[in-house]
C-alpha atoms as a PDB file:
ATOM      1  CA  UNK A   1     -80.963  49.156-120.690  1.00  0.00           C
ATOM      2  CA  UNK A   2     -79.330  52.548-121.085  1.00  0.00           C
ATOM      3  CA  UNK A   3     -76.437  52.565-123.591  1.00  0.00           C
ATOM      4  CA  UNK A   4     -73.082  53.169-121.881  1.00  0.00           C
ATOM      5  CA  UNK A   5     -72.445  56.530-123.575  1.00  0.00           C
ATOM      6  CA  UNK A   6     -75.435  57.941-121.664  1.00  0.00           C
ATOM      7  CA  UNK A   7     -74.326  56.720-118.235  1.00  0.00           C
ATOM      8  CA  UNK A   8     -73.362  59.380-115.728  1.00  0.00           C
ATOM      9  CA  UNK A   9     -69.715  59.755-114.782  1.00  0.00           C
ATOM     10  CA  UNK A  10     -68.686  62.548-112.463  1.00  0.00           C
ATOM     11  CA  UNK A  11     -71.908  64.481-112.931  1.00  0.00           C
ATOM     12  CA  UNK A  12     -72.261  64.262-116.707  1.00  0.00           C
ATOM     13  CA  UNK A  13     -72.614  61.580-119.326  1.00  0.00           C
ATOM     14  CA  UNK A  14     -69.667  59.753-120.850  1.00  0.00           C
ATOM     15  CA  UNK A  15     -70.640  61.306-124.191  1.00  0.00           C
ATOM     16  CA  UNK A  16     -70.584  64.815-122.660  1.00  0.00           C
ATOM     17  CA  UNK A  17     -67.002  64.290-121.456  1.00  0.00           C
ATOM     18  CA  UNK A  18     -65.963  63.126-124.919  1.00  0.00           C
ATOM     19  CA  UNK A  19     -67.711  65.902-126.816  1.00  0.00           C
ATOM     20  CA  UNK A  20     -66.335  68.594-124.512  1.00  0.00           C
ATOM     21  CA  UNK A  21     -62.825  67.445-125.357  1.00  0.00           C
ATOM     22  CA  UNK A  22     -63.519  67.628-129.108  1.00  0.00           C
ATOM     23  CA  UNK A  23     -65.386  70.931-128.830  1.00  0.00           C
ATOM     24  CA  UNK A  24     -62.250  72.690-127.593  1.00  0.00           C
ATOM     25  CA  UNK A  25     -59.927  71.462-130.357  1.00  0.00           C
ATOM     26  CA  UNK A  26     -59.716  74.176-132.986  1.00  0.00           C
ATOM     27  CA  UNK A  27     -58.635  71.794-135.762  1.00  0.00           C
ATOM     28  CA  UNK A  28     -61.821  69.723-135.399  1.00  0.00           C
ATOM     29  CA  UNK A  29     -64.659  71.222-137.419  1.00  0.00           C
ATOM     30  CA  UNK A  30     -67.341  68.543-136.997  1.00  0.00           C
ATOM     31  CA  UNK A  31     -68.099  65.606-134.748  1.00  0.00           C
ATOM     32  CA  UNK A  32     -70.574  63.060-136.064  1.00  0.00           C
ATOM     33  CA  UNK A  33     -72.645  60.915-133.746  1.00  0.00           C
ATOM     34  CA  UNK A  34     -73.843  57.831-135.582  1.00  0.00           C
ATOM     35  CA  UNK A  35     -76.815  56.364-133.802  1.00  0.00           C
ATOM     36  CA  UNK A  36     -79.855  54.178-134.212  1.00  0.00           C
ATOM     37  CA  UNK A  37     -82.820  55.946-135.841  1.00  0.00           C
ATOM     38  CA  UNK A  38     -84.903  55.370-132.694  1.00  0.00           C
ATOM     39  CA  UNK A  39     -82.304  56.944-130.353  1.00  0.00           C
ATOM     40  CA  UNK A  40     -83.926  60.134-129.067  1.00  0.00           C
ATOM     41  CA  UNK A  41     -81.290  60.748-126.382  1.00  0.00           C
ATOM     42  CA  UNK A  42     -78.654  61.765-128.938  1.00  0.00           C
ATOM     43  CA  UNK A  43     -80.672  64.696-130.255  1.00  0.00           C
ATOM     44  CA  UNK A  44     -79.801  67.040-127.390  1.00  0.00           C
ATOM     45  CA  UNK A  45     -76.070  66.783-128.090  1.00  0.00           C
ATOM     46  CA  UNK A  46     -76.448  68.657-131.387  1.00  0.00           C
ATOM     47  CA  UNK A  47     -78.082  71.468-129.404  1.00  0.00           C
ATOM     48  CA  UNK A  48     -75.464  71.480-126.641  1.00  0.00           C
ATOM     49  CA  UNK A  49     -72.356  71.260-128.858  1.00  0.00           C
ATOM     50  CA  UNK A  50     -71.961  73.394-131.966  1.00  0.00           C
ATOM     51  CA  UNK A  51     -69.656  70.920-133.740  1.00  0.00           C
ATOM     52  CA  UNK A  52     -71.962  67.917-133.323  1.00  0.00           C
ATOM     53  CA  UNK A  53     -74.047  66.490-136.137  1.00  0.00           C
ATOM     54  CA  UNK A  54     -76.365  63.562-135.525  1.00  0.00           C
ATOM     55  CA  UNK A  55     -76.593  60.884-138.215  1.00  0.00           C
ATOM     56  CA  UNK A  56     -79.349  58.378-137.398  1.00  0.00           C
ATOM     57  CA  UNK A  57     -78.085  55.647-139.699  1.00  0.00           C
ATOM     58  CA  UNK A  58     -76.784  53.130-137.162  1.00  0.00           C
ATOM     59  CA  UNK A  59     -76.927  49.460-138.040  1.00  0.00           C
ATOM     60  CA  UNK A  60     -77.333  46.159-136.218  1.00  0.00           C
ATOM     61  CA  UNK A  61     -73.636  45.996-135.348  1.00  0.00           C
ATOM     62  CA  UNK A  62     -70.895  48.512-134.645  1.00  0.00           C
ATOM     63  CA  UNK A  63     -69.240  47.654-137.969  1.00  0.00           C
ATOM     64  CA  UNK A  64     -72.476  48.244-139.883  1.00  0.00           C
ATOM     65  CA  UNK A  65     -72.965  51.566-138.073  1.00  0.00           C
ATOM     66  CA  UNK A  66     -69.446  52.682-139.011  1.00  0.00           C
ATOM     67  CA  UNK A  67     -70.000  51.816-142.684  1.00  0.00           C
ATOM     68  CA  UNK A  68     -73.402  53.537-142.718  1.00  0.00           C
ATOM     69  CA  UNK A  69     -71.959  56.609-141.010  1.00  0.00           C
ATOM     70  CA  UNK A  70     -69.058  56.904-143.424  1.00  0.00           C
ATOM     71  CA  UNK A  71     -71.458  56.604-146.340  1.00  0.00           C
ATOM     72  CA  UNK A  72     -73.513  59.547-145.008  1.00  0.00           C
ATOM     73  CA  UNK A  73     -70.653  61.931-144.275  1.00  0.00           C
ATOM     74  CA  UNK A  74     -69.452  64.341-146.903  1.00  0.00           C
ATOM     75  CA  UNK A  75     -65.684  64.674-146.778  1.00  0.00           C
ATOM     76  CA  UNK A  76     -63.972  67.906-147.735  1.00  0.00           C
ATOM     77  CA  UNK A  77     -60.366  68.052-148.851  1.00  0.00           C
ATOM     78  CA  UNK A  78     -58.120  71.062-148.374  1.00  0.00           C
END
């Protein structure tokens, strides 16, 4: 079964719609996609969107994926 973020909506994927919105916000420097290590569909988004970084550290649950993602992101303070 195809994960919902990759389903087509109005000619592009749900994830494309989301990333396009973030791509145009000047204050957003990076967008991290946290995904399962076996998810090959996410890879193209880092090529299509300059702000996107793929982190293949997803867990067995959404909560585990969030924790793993936060642990792999380097935060910068102003």
